[in-house]
Amino acid sequence: MEFFFQNSYFNNKQYGFIKVRSTVLQLLKIMDDWTAQLDSGGHVDVIYTDFAKSLDTVSHQILLLKIKTYNTDTDLLLWITDVLCNRKRCVVLNGEKSS
């Protein structure tokens, strides 16, 4: 993570998984922004996006190549590769574990 901070890869609007910028804080900030907008006579348009399974819908190889273009630290790149390409899942039901 420190590599990304040192190279300014995180936008100031990034919340969650960053110290002192929780998703709860993001919700409070956006509610404050919306309230100020509405109080000044403006209006608010909202688009909700669901990124569930987003990493399952893109080519992991292309994503890894893209991440590599940012001169990402080798250890971090190996960790991301491991998470994307070498992960395994199983289901446990009634004490039985799937392969």
PDB file of N, CA and C in Angstrom:
ATOM      1  N   MET A   1       0.825  -1.196   0.000  1.00  0.00           N
ATOM      2  CA  MET A   1       0.000   0.000   0.000  1.00  0.00           C
ATOM      3  C   MET A   1       0.865   1.254   0.000  1.00  0.00           C
ATOM      4  N   GLU A   2       1.962   1.195   0.747  1.00  0.00           N
ATOM      5  CA  GLU A   2       2.816   2.375   0.837  1.00  0.00           C
ATOM      6  C   GLU A   2       3.312   2.805  -0.543  1.00  0.00           C
ATOM      7  N   PHE A   3       3.591   1.848  -1.402  1.00  0.00           N
ATOM      8  CA  PHE A   3       4.030   2.140  -2.772  1.00  0.00           C
ATOM      9  C   PHE A   3       2.989   2.993  -3.496  1.00  0.00           C
ATOM     10  N   PHE A   4       1.713   2.632  -3.341  1.00  0.00           N
ATOM     11  CA  PHE A   4       0.644   3.365  -4.012  1.00  0.00           C
ATOM     12  C   PHE A   4       0.500   4.777  -3.448  1.00  0.00           C
ATOM     13  N   PHE A   5       0.681   4.926  -2.130  1.00  0.00           N
ATOM     14  CA  PHE A   5       0.610   6.255  -1.536  1.00  0.00           C
ATOM     15  C   PHE A   5       1.782   7.117  -1.987  1.00  0.00           C
ATOM     16  N   GLN A   6       2.986   6.544  -1.972  1.00  0.00           N
ATOM     17  CA  GLN A   6       4.180   7.294  -2.357  1.00  0.00           C
ATOM     18  C   GLN A   6       4.113   7.765  -3.806  1.00  0.00           C
ATOM     19  N   ASN A   7       3.438   7.008  -4.643  1.00  0.00           N
ATOM     20  CA  ASN A   7       3.349   7.357  -6.055  1.00  0.00           C
ATOM     21  C   ASN A   7       2.023   8.029  -6.422  1.00  0.00           C
ATOM     22  N   SER A   8       1.273   8.430  -5.417  1.00  0.00           N
ATOM     23  CA  SER A   8       0.006   9.162  -5.591  1.00  0.00           C
ATOM     24  C   SER A   8      -0.970   8.443  -6.517  1.00  0.00           C
ATOM     25  N   TYR A   9      -1.103   7.126  -6.356  1.00  0.00           N
ATOM     26  CA  TYR A   9      -2.037   6.356  -7.174  1.00  0.00           C
ATOM     27  C   TYR A   9      -3.457   6.404  -6.622  1.00  0.00           C
ATOM     28  N   PHE A  10      -3.614   6.822  -5.364  1.00  0.00           N
ATOM     29  CA  PHE A  10      -4.943   6.910  -4.784  1.00  0.00           C
ATOM     30  C   PHE A  10      -5.495   8.318  -4.933  1.00  0.00           C
ATOM     31  N   ASN A  11      -6.711   8.403  -5.410  1.00  0.00           N
ATOM     32  CA  ASN A  11      -7.417   9.662  -5.528  1.00  0.00           C
ATOM     33  C   ASN A  11      -7.868  10.091  -4.132  1.00  0.00           C
ATOM     34  N   ASN A  12      -7.981  11.388  -3.895  1.00  0.00           N
ATOM     35  CA  ASN A  12      -8.457  11.884  -2.595  1.00  0.00           C
ATOM     36  C   ASN A  12      -9.878  11.436  -2.296  1.00  0.00           C
ATOM     37  N   LYS A  13     -10.598  10.975  -3.313  1.00  0.00           N
ATOM     38  CA  LYS A  13     -11.962  10.515  -3.113  1.00  0.00           C
ATOM     39  C   LYS A  13     -12.025   9.019  -2.808  1.00  0.00           C
ATOM     40  N   GLN A  14     -10.861   8.353  -2.700  1.00  0.00           N
ATOM     41  CA  GLN A  14     -10.815   6.926  -2.387  1.00  0.00           C
ATOM     42  C   GLN A  14     -11.069   6.729  -0.897  1.00  0.00           C
ATOM     43  N   TYR A  15     -12.064   5.943  -0.566  1.00  0.00           N
ATOM     44  CA  TYR A  15     -12.371   5.605   0.818  1.00  0.00           C
ATOM     45  C   TYR A  15     -12.374   4.094   0.955  1.00  0.00           C
ATOM     46  N   GLY A  16     -12.273   3.615   2.149  1.00  0.00           N
ATOM     47  CA  GLY A  16     -12.280   2.178   2.394  1.00  0.00           C
ATOM     48  C   GLY A  16     -10.900   1.602   2.190  1.00  0.00           C
ATOM     49  N   PHE A  17     -10.472   0.776   3.115  1.00  0.00           N
ATOM     50  CA  PHE A  17      -9.170   0.111   3.084  1.00  0.00           C
ATOM     51  C   PHE A  17      -8.013   1.097   3.205  1.00  0.00           C
ATOM     52  N   ILE A  18      -8.319   2.333   3.589  1.00  0.00           N
ATOM     53  CA  ILE A  18      -7.286   3.338   3.798  1.00  0.00           C
ATOM     54  C   ILE A  18      -7.474   3.900   5.201  1.00  0.00           C
ATOM     55  N   LYS A  19      -6.378   3.953   5.967  1.00  0.00           N
ATOM     56  CA  LYS A  19      -6.459   4.464   7.334  1.00  0.00           C
ATOM     57  C   LYS A  19      -7.091   5.848   7.350  1.00  0.00           C
ATOM     58  N   VAL A  20      -7.925   6.096   8.296  1.00  0.00           N
ATOM     59  CA  VAL A  20      -8.654   7.348   8.526  1.00  0.00           C
ATOM     60  C   VAL A  20      -9.617   7.734   7.408  1.00  0.00           C
ATOM     61  N   ARG A  21      -9.895   6.830   6.474  1.00  0.00           N
ATOM     62  CA  ARG A  21     -10.872   7.121   5.420  1.00  0.00           C
ATOM     63  C   ARG A  21     -11.771   5.896   5.223  1.00  0.00           C
ATOM     64  N   SER A  22     -12.619   5.676   6.189  1.00  0.00           N
ATOM     65  CA  SER A  22     -13.504   4.511   6.142  1.00  0.00           C
ATOM     66  C   SER A  22     -14.687   4.759   5.210  1.00  0.00           C
ATOM     67  N   THR A  23     -15.398   3.710   4.883  1.00  0.00           N
ATOM     68  CA  THR A  23     -16.584   3.866   4.050  1.00  0.00           C
ATOM     69  C   THR A  23     -17.681   4.608   4.804  1.00  0.00           C
ATOM     70  N   VAL A  24     -17.692   4.488   6.133  1.00  0.00           N
ATOM     71  CA  VAL A  24     -18.673   5.246   6.927  1.00  0.00           C
ATOM     72  C   VAL A  24     -18.385   6.739   6.797  1.00  0.00           C
ATOM     73  N   LEU A  25     -17.116   7.105   6.864  1.00  0.00           N
ATOM     74  CA  LEU A  25     -16.742   8.514   6.686  1.00  0.00           C
ATOM     75  C   LEU A  25     -17.150   9.009   5.298  1.00  0.00           C
ATOM     76  N   GLN A  26     -16.991   8.154   4.293  1.00  0.00           N
ATOM     77  CA  GLN A  26     -17.386   8.524   2.930  1.00  0.00           C
ATOM     78  C   GLN A  26     -18.880   8.782   2.864  1.00  0.00           C
ATOM     79  N   LEU A  27     -19.676   7.923   3.513  1.00  0.00           N
ATOM     80  CA  LEU A  27     -21.135   8.127   3.528  1.00  0.00           C
ATOM     81  C   LEU A  27     -21.508   9.428   4.225  1.00  0.00           C
ATOM     82  N   LEU A  28     -20.850   9.728   5.338  1.00  0.00           N
ATOM     83  CA  LEU A  28     -21.129  10.984   6.045  1.00  0.00           C
ATOM     84  C   LEU A  28     -20.763  12.190   5.177  1.00  0.00           C
ATOM     85  N   LYS A  29     -19.628  12.112   4.484  1.00  0.00           N
ATOM     86  CA  LYS A  29     -19.212  13.224   3.626  1.00  0.00           C
ATOM     87  C   LYS A  29     -20.192  13.426   2.480  1.00  0.00           C
ATOM     88  N   ILE A  30     -20.596  12.349   1.833  1.00  0.00           N
ATOM     89  CA  ILE A  30     -21.498  12.497   0.683  1.00  0.00           C
ATOM     90  C   ILE A  30     -22.865  13.019   1.143  1.00  0.00           C
ATOM     91  N   MET A  31     -23.322  12.577   2.308  1.00  0.00           N
ATOM     92  CA  MET A  31     -24.597  13.092   2.831  1.00  0.00           C
ATOM     93  C   MET A  31     -24.484  14.590   3.130  1.00  0.00           C
ATOM     94  N   ASP A  32     -23.340  15.008   3.648  1.00  0.00           N
ATOM     95  CA  ASP A  32     -23.110  16.433   3.910  1.00  0.00           C
ATOM     96  C   ASP A  32     -23.100  17.219   2.598  1.00  0.00           C
ATOM     97  N   ASP A  33     -22.428  16.682   1.572  1.00  0.00           N
ATOM     98  CA  ASP A  33     -22.393  17.341   0.258  1.00  0.00           C
ATOM     99  C   ASP A  33     -23.788  17.439  -0.349  1.00  0.00           C
ATOM    100  N   TRP A  34     -24.552  16.346  -0.286  1.00  0.00           N
ATOM    101  CA  TRP A  34     -25.906  16.336  -0.854  1.00  0.00           C
ATOM    102  C   TRP A  34     -26.806  17.313  -0.114  1.00  0.00           C
ATOM    103  N   THR A  35     -26.692  17.337   1.218  1.00  0.00           N
ATOM    104  CA  THR A  35     -27.526  18.246   2.017  1.00  0.00           C
ATOM    105  C   THR A  35     -27.218  19.699   1.661  1.00  0.00           C
ATOM    106  N   ALA A  36     -25.944  20.033   1.539  1.00  0.00           N
ATOM    107  CA  ALA A  36     -25.555  21.401   1.175  1.00  0.00           C
ATOM    108  C   ALA A  36     -26.102  21.757  -0.209  1.00  0.00           C
ATOM    109  N   GLN A  37     -26.013  20.823  -1.144  1.00  0.00           N
ATOM    110  CA  GLN A  37     -26.521  21.059  -2.499  1.00  0.00           C
ATOM    111  C   GLN A  37     -28.019  21.308  -2.483  1.00  0.00           C
ATOM    112  N   LEU A  38     -28.767  20.474  -1.765  1.00  0.00           N
ATOM    113  CA  LEU A  38     -30.222  20.620  -1.696  1.00  0.00           C
ATOM    114  C   LEU A  38     -30.625  21.889  -0.950  1.00  0.00           C
ATOM    115  N   ASP A  39     -29.893  22.216   0.135  1.00  0.00           N
ATOM    116  CA  ASP A  39     -30.182  23.432   0.898  1.00  0.00           C
ATOM    117  C   ASP A  39     -29.965  24.696   0.073  1.00  0.00           C
ATOM    118  N   SER A  40     -29.065  24.636  -0.908  1.00  0.00           N
ATOM    119  CA  SER A  40     -28.803  25.815  -1.735  1.00  0.00           C
ATOM    120  C   SER A  40     -29.723  25.864  -2.959  1.00  0.00           C
ATOM    121  N   GLY A  41     -30.720  24.959  -3.004  1.00  0.00           N
ATOM    122  CA  GLY A  41     -31.690  24.978  -4.088  1.00  0.00           C
ATOM    123  C   GLY A  41     -31.306  24.102  -5.274  1.00  0.00           C
ATOM    124  N   GLY A  42     -30.214  23.402  -5.169  1.00  0.00           N
ATOM    125  CA  GLY A  42     -29.773  22.545  -6.261  1.00  0.00           C
ATOM    126  C   GLY A  42     -30.456  21.189  -6.208  1.00  0.00           C
ATOM    127  N   HIS A  43     -30.024  20.306  -7.049  1.00  0.00           N
ATOM    128  CA  HIS A  43     -30.556  18.953  -7.046  1.00  0.00           C
ATOM    129  C   HIS A  43     -29.394  17.963  -7.087  1.00  0.00           C
ATOM    130  N   VAL A  44     -29.690  16.726  -6.775  1.00  0.00           N
ATOM    131  CA  VAL A  44     -28.666  15.681  -6.702  1.00  0.00           C
ATOM    132  C   VAL A  44     -29.083  14.520  -7.597  1.00  0.00           C
ATOM    133  N   ASP A  45     -28.214  14.128  -8.498  1.00  0.00           N
ATOM    134  CA  ASP A  45     -28.418  12.931  -9.321  1.00  0.00           C
ATOM    135  C   ASP A  45     -27.435  11.872  -8.833  1.00  0.00           C
ATOM    136  N   VAL A  46     -27.904  10.652  -8.710  1.00  0.00           N
ATOM    137  CA  VAL A  46     -27.065   9.581  -8.177  1.00  0.00           C
ATOM    138  C   VAL A  46     -27.105   8.386  -9.119  1.00  0.00           C
ATOM    139  N   ILE A  47     -25.946   7.808  -9.348  1.00  0.00           N
ATOM    140  CA  ILE A  47     -25.843   6.555 -10.100  1.00  0.00           C
ATOM    141  C   ILE A  47     -25.171   5.545  -9.182  1.00  0.00           C
ATOM    142  N   TYR A  48     -25.819   4.432  -8.950  1.00  0.00           N
ATOM    143  CA  TYR A  48     -25.246   3.374  -8.119  1.00  0.00           C
ATOM    144  C   TYR A  48     -24.615   2.322  -9.016  1.00  0.00           C
ATOM    145  N   THR A  49     -23.436   1.873  -8.622  1.00  0.00           N
ATOM    146  CA  THR A  49     -22.755   0.840  -9.391  1.00  0.00           C
ATOM    147  C   THR A  49     -22.382  -0.300  -8.460  1.00  0.00           C
ATOM    148  N   ASP A  50     -22.541  -1.508  -8.930  1.00  0.00           N
ATOM    149  CA  ASP A  50     -22.198  -2.689  -8.142  1.00  0.00           C
ATOM    150  C   ASP A  50     -20.996  -3.359  -8.790  1.00  0.00           C
ATOM    151  N   PHE A  51     -19.879  -3.372  -8.082  1.00  0.00           N
ATOM    152  CA  PHE A  51     -18.670  -3.966  -8.624  1.00  0.00           C
ATOM    153  C   PHE A  51     -18.485  -5.417  -8.184  1.00  0.00           C
ATOM    154  N   ALA A  52     -19.538  -6.027  -7.658  1.00  0.00           N
ATOM    155  CA  ALA A  52     -19.447  -7.419  -7.234  1.00  0.00           C
ATOM    156  C   ALA A  52     -18.984  -8.281  -8.393  1.00  0.00           C
ATOM    157  N   LYS A  53     -18.049  -9.120  -8.125  1.00  0.00           N
ATOM    158  CA  LYS A  53     -17.478 -10.041  -9.102  1.00  0.00           C
ATOM    159  C   LYS A  53     -16.779  -9.320 -10.253  1.00  0.00           C
ATOM    160  N   SER A  54     -16.464  -8.042 -10.086  1.00  0.00           N
ATOM    161  CA  SER A  54     -15.840  -7.305 -11.188  1.00  0.00           C
ATOM    162  C   SER A  54     -14.504  -7.912 -11.593  1.00  0.00           C
ATOM    163  N   LEU A  55     -13.765  -8.437 -10.643  1.00  0.00           N
ATOM    164  CA  LEU A  55     -12.485  -9.043 -10.998  1.00  0.00           C
ATOM    165  C   LEU A  55     -12.666 -10.373 -11.711  1.00  0.00           C
ATOM    166  N   ASP A  56     -13.871 -10.918 -11.671  1.00  0.00           N
ATOM    167  CA  ASP A  56     -14.137 -12.163 -12.375  1.00  0.00           C
ATOM    168  C   ASP A  56     -14.580 -11.921 -13.813  1.00  0.00           C
ATOM    169  N   THR A  57     -14.805 -10.660 -14.180  1.00  0.00           N
ATOM    170  CA  THR A  57     -15.302 -10.367 -15.528  1.00  0.00           C
ATOM    171  C   THR A  57     -14.244  -9.739 -16.431  1.00  0.00           C
ATOM    172  N   VAL A  58     -13.052  -9.491 -15.877  1.00  0.00           N
ATOM    173  CA  VAL A  58     -11.974  -8.937 -16.702  1.00  0.00           C
ATOM    174  C   VAL A  58     -10.859  -9.973 -16.832  1.00  0.00           C
ATOM    175  N   SER A  59     -10.098  -9.850 -17.878  1.00  0.00           N
ATOM    176  CA  SER A  59      -8.959 -10.738 -18.071  1.00  0.00           C
ATOM    177  C   SER A  59      -7.906 -10.420 -17.016  1.00  0.00           C
ATOM    178  N   HIS A  60      -7.570 -11.412 -16.207  1.00  0.00           N
ATOM    179  CA  HIS A  60      -6.576 -11.180 -15.164  1.00  0.00           C
ATOM    180  C   HIS A  60      -5.208 -10.877 -15.769  1.00  0.00           C
ATOM    181  N   GLN A  61      -4.893 -11.494 -16.889  1.00  0.00           N
ATOM    182  CA  GLN A  61      -3.597 -11.249 -17.528  1.00  0.00           C
ATOM    183  C   GLN A  61      -3.491  -9.798 -18.003  1.00  0.00           C
ATOM    184  N   ILE A  62      -4.557  -9.281 -18.604  1.00  0.00           N
ATOM    185  CA  ILE A  62      -4.553  -7.882 -19.062  1.00  0.00           C
ATOM    186  C   ILE A  62      -4.472  -6.940 -17.866  1.00  0.00           C
ATOM    187  N   LEU A  63      -5.220  -7.257 -16.809  1.00  0.00           N
ATOM    188  CA  LEU A  63      -5.184  -6.433 -15.606  1.00  0.00           C
ATOM    189  C   LEU A  63      -3.786  -6.415 -15.004  1.00  0.00           C
ATOM    190  N   LEU A  64      -3.140  -7.568 -14.943  1.00  0.00           N
ATOM    191  CA  LEU A  64      -1.780  -7.637 -14.401  1.00  0.00           C
ATOM    192  C   LEU A  64      -0.794  -6.846 -15.259  1.00  0.00           C
ATOM    193  N   LEU A  65      -0.947  -6.916 -16.576  1.00  0.00           N
ATOM    194  CA  LEU A  65      -0.083  -6.121 -17.454  1.00  0.00           C
ATOM    195  C   LEU A  65      -0.282  -4.628 -17.207  1.00  0.00           C
ATOM    196  N   LYS A  66      -1.529  -4.230 -17.015  1.00  0.00           N
ATOM    197  CA  LYS A  66      -1.848  -2.822 -16.744  1.00  0.00           C
ATOM    198  C   LYS A  66      -1.213  -2.379 -15.421  1.00  0.00           C
ATOM    199  N   ILE A  67      -1.345  -3.215 -14.394  1.00  0.00           N
ATOM    200  CA  ILE A  67      -0.761  -2.891 -13.083  1.00  0.00           C
ATOM    201  C   ILE A  67       0.757  -2.803 -13.204  1.00  0.00           C
ATOM    202  N   LYS A  68       1.351  -3.687 -14.001  1.00  0.00           N
ATOM    203  CA  LYS A  68       2.804  -3.690 -14.178  1.00  0.00           C
ATOM    204  C   LYS A  68       3.296  -2.400 -14.823  1.00  0.00           C
ATOM    205  N   THR A  69       2.482  -1.775 -15.686  1.00  0.00           N
ATOM    206  CA  THR A  69       2.894  -0.530 -16.347  1.00  0.00           C
ATOM    207  C   THR A  69       3.079   0.623 -15.359  1.00  0.00           C
ATOM    208  N   TYR A  70       2.543   0.465 -14.143  1.00  0.00           N
ATOM    209  CA  TYR A  70       2.704   1.493 -13.114  1.00  0.00           C
ATOM    210  C   TYR A  70       4.003   1.316 -12.333  1.00  0.00           C
ATOM    211  N   ASN A  71       4.895   0.448 -12.846  1.00  0.00           N
ATOM    212  CA  ASN A  71       6.168   0.157 -12.159  1.00  0.00           C
ATOM    213  C   ASN A  71       5.938  -0.311 -10.726  1.00  0.00           C
ATOM    214  N   THR A  72       4.956  -1.169 -10.575  1.00  0.00           N
ATOM    215  CA  THR A  72       4.597  -1.701  -9.269  1.00  0.00           C
ATOM    216  C   THR A  72       5.730  -2.552  -8.711  1.00  0.00           C
ATOM    217  N   ASP A  73       5.952  -2.423  -7.420  1.00  0.00           N
ATOM    218  CA  ASP A  73       6.949  -3.213  -6.718  1.00  0.00           C
ATOM    219  C   ASP A  73       6.758  -4.701  -7.041  1.00  0.00           C
ATOM    220  N   THR A  74       7.845  -5.418  -7.280  1.00  0.00           N
ATOM    221  CA  THR A  74       7.787  -6.816  -7.697  1.00  0.00           C
ATOM    222  C   THR A  74       7.049  -7.689  -6.687  1.00  0.00           C
ATOM    223  N   ASP A  75       7.337  -7.506  -5.401  1.00  0.00           N
ATOM    224  CA  ASP A  75       6.658  -8.314  -4.377  1.00  0.00           C
ATOM    225  C   ASP A  75       5.149  -8.055  -4.380  1.00  0.00           C
ATOM    226  N   LEU A  76       4.771  -6.806  -4.545  1.00  0.00           N
ATOM    227  CA  LEU A  76       3.345  -6.477  -4.591  1.00  0.00           C
ATOM    228  C   LEU A  76       2.694  -7.080  -5.833  1.00  0.00           C
ATOM    229  N   LEU A  77       3.373  -6.998  -6.960  1.00  0.00           N
ATOM    230  CA  LEU A  77       2.846  -7.575  -8.193  1.00  0.00           C
ATOM    231  C   LEU A  77       2.674  -9.091  -8.055  1.00  0.00           C
ATOM    232  N   LEU A  78       3.632  -9.755  -7.420  1.00  0.00           N
ATOM    233  CA  LEU A  78       3.519 -11.198  -7.191  1.00  0.00           C
ATOM    234  C   LEU A  78       2.338 -11.514  -6.276  1.00  0.00           C
ATOM    235  N   TRP A  79       2.116 -10.675  -5.270  1.00  0.00           N
ATOM    236  CA  TRP A  79       0.996 -10.887  -4.353  1.00  0.00           C
ATOM    237  C   TRP A  79      -0.337 -10.727  -5.097  1.00  0.00           C
ATOM    238  N   ILE A  80      -0.450  -9.680  -5.915  1.00  0.00           N
ATOM    239  CA  ILE A  80      -1.672  -9.453  -6.694  1.00  0.00           C
ATOM    240  C   ILE A  80      -1.897 -10.610  -7.661  1.00  0.00           C
ATOM    241  N   THR A  81      -0.825 -11.065  -8.300  1.00  0.00           N
ATOM    242  CA  THR A  81      -0.922 -12.208  -9.212  1.00  0.00           C
ATOM    243  C   THR A  81      -1.431 -13.434  -8.479  1.00  0.00           C
ATOM    244  N   ASP A  82      -0.899 -13.671  -7.289  1.00  0.00           N
ATOM    245  CA  ASP A  82      -1.323 -14.822  -6.498  1.00  0.00           C
ATOM    246  C   ASP A  82      -2.805 -14.731  -6.144  1.00  0.00           C
ATOM    247  N   VAL A  83      -3.247 -13.536  -5.754  1.00  0.00           N
ATOM    248  CA  VAL A  83      -4.658 -13.347  -5.391  1.00  0.00           C
ATOM    249  C   VAL A  83      -5.560 -13.561  -6.601  1.00  0.00           C
ATOM    250  N   LEU A  84      -5.170 -13.022  -7.744  1.00  0.00           N
ATOM    251  CA  LEU A  84      -6.011 -13.113  -8.934  1.00  0.00           C
ATOM    252  C   LEU A  84      -5.977 -14.487  -9.602  1.00  0.00           C
ATOM    253  N   CYS A  85      -4.808 -15.084  -9.664  1.00  0.00           N
ATOM    254  CA  CYS A  85      -4.653 -16.282 -10.500  1.00  0.00           C
ATOM    255  C   CYS A  85      -4.565 -17.593  -9.724  1.00  0.00           C
ATOM    256  N   ASN A  86      -4.235 -17.533  -8.463  1.00  0.00           N
ATOM    257  CA  ASN A  86      -4.009 -18.773  -7.723  1.00  0.00           C
ATOM    258  C   ASN A  86      -4.998 -18.972  -6.574  1.00  0.00           C
ATOM    259  N   ARG A  87      -6.114 -18.309  -6.628  1.00  0.00           N
ATOM    260  CA  ARG A  87      -7.078 -18.442  -5.539  1.00  0.00           C
ATOM    261  C   ARG A  87      -7.971 -19.653  -5.770  1.00  0.00           C
ATOM    262  N   LYS A  88      -8.385 -20.221  -4.675  1.00  0.00           N
ATOM    263  CA  LYS A  88      -9.263 -21.382  -4.730  1.00  0.00           C
ATOM    264  C   LYS A  88     -10.447 -21.129  -3.816  1.00  0.00           C
ATOM    265  N   ARG A  89     -11.564 -21.714  -4.154  1.00  0.00           N
ATOM    266  CA  ARG A  89     -12.777 -21.554  -3.354  1.00  0.00           C
ATOM    267  C   ARG A  89     -13.343 -22.926  -3.058  1.00  0.00           C
ATOM    268  N   CYS A  90     -14.084 -22.982  -1.987  1.00  0.00           N
ATOM    269  CA  CYS A  90     -14.802 -24.216  -1.677  1.00  0.00           C
ATOM    270  C   CYS A  90     -16.067 -23.850  -0.914  1.00  0.00           C
ATOM    271  N   VAL A  91     -16.953 -24.784  -0.849  1.00  0.00           N
ATOM    272  CA  VAL A  91     -18.201 -24.618  -0.122  1.00  0.00           C
ATOM    273  C   VAL A  91     -18.265 -25.676   0.950  1.00  0.00           C
ATOM    274  N   VAL A  92     -18.660 -25.269   2.153  1.00  0.00           N
ATOM    275  CA  VAL A  92     -18.859 -26.220   3.223  1.00  0.00           C
ATOM    276  C   VAL A  92     -20.353 -26.299   3.501  1.00  0.00           C
ATOM    277  N   LEU A  93     -20.911 -27.490   3.400  1.00  0.00           N
ATOM    278  CA  LEU A  93     -22.332 -27.702   3.628  1.00  0.00           C
ATOM    279  C   LEU A  93     -22.496 -28.962   4.474  1.00  0.00           C
ATOM    280  N   ASN A  94     -23.132 -28.784   5.618  1.00  0.00           N
ATOM    281  CA  ASN A  94     -23.325 -29.887   6.564  1.00  0.00           C
ATOM    282  C   ASN A  94     -22.003 -30.571   6.913  1.00  0.00           C
ATOM    283  N   GLY A  95     -20.952 -29.767   7.072  1.00  0.00           N
ATOM    284  CA  GLY A  95     -19.669 -30.296   7.458  1.00  0.00           C
ATOM    285  C   GLY A  95     -18.862 -30.911   6.335  1.00  0.00           C
ATOM    286  N   GLU A  96     -19.403 -30.977   5.134  1.00  0.00           N
ATOM    287  CA  GLU A  96     -18.700 -31.527   3.982  1.00  0.00           C
ATOM    288  C   GLU A  96     -18.116 -30.390   3.153  1.00  0.00           C
ATOM    289  N   LYS A  97     -16.838 -30.543   2.793  1.00  0.00           N
ATOM    290  CA  LYS A  97     -16.146 -29.511   2.044  1.00  0.00           C
ATOM    291  C   LYS A  97     -16.017 -29.926   0.571  1.00  0.00           C
ATOM    292  N   SER A  98     -16.390 -29.002  -0.329  1.00  0.00           N
ATOM    293  CA  SER A  98     -16.283 -29.301  -1.764  1.00  0.00           C
ATOM    294  C   SER A  98     -14.838 -29.213  -2.212  1.00  0.00           C
ATOM    295  N   SER A  99     -14.550 -29.784  -3.372  1.00  0.00           N
ATOM    296  CA  SER A  99     -13.184 -29.713  -3.898  1.00  0.00           C
ATOM    297  C   SER A  99     -12.968 -28.375  -4.602  1.00  0.00           C
TER     298      SER A  99
END
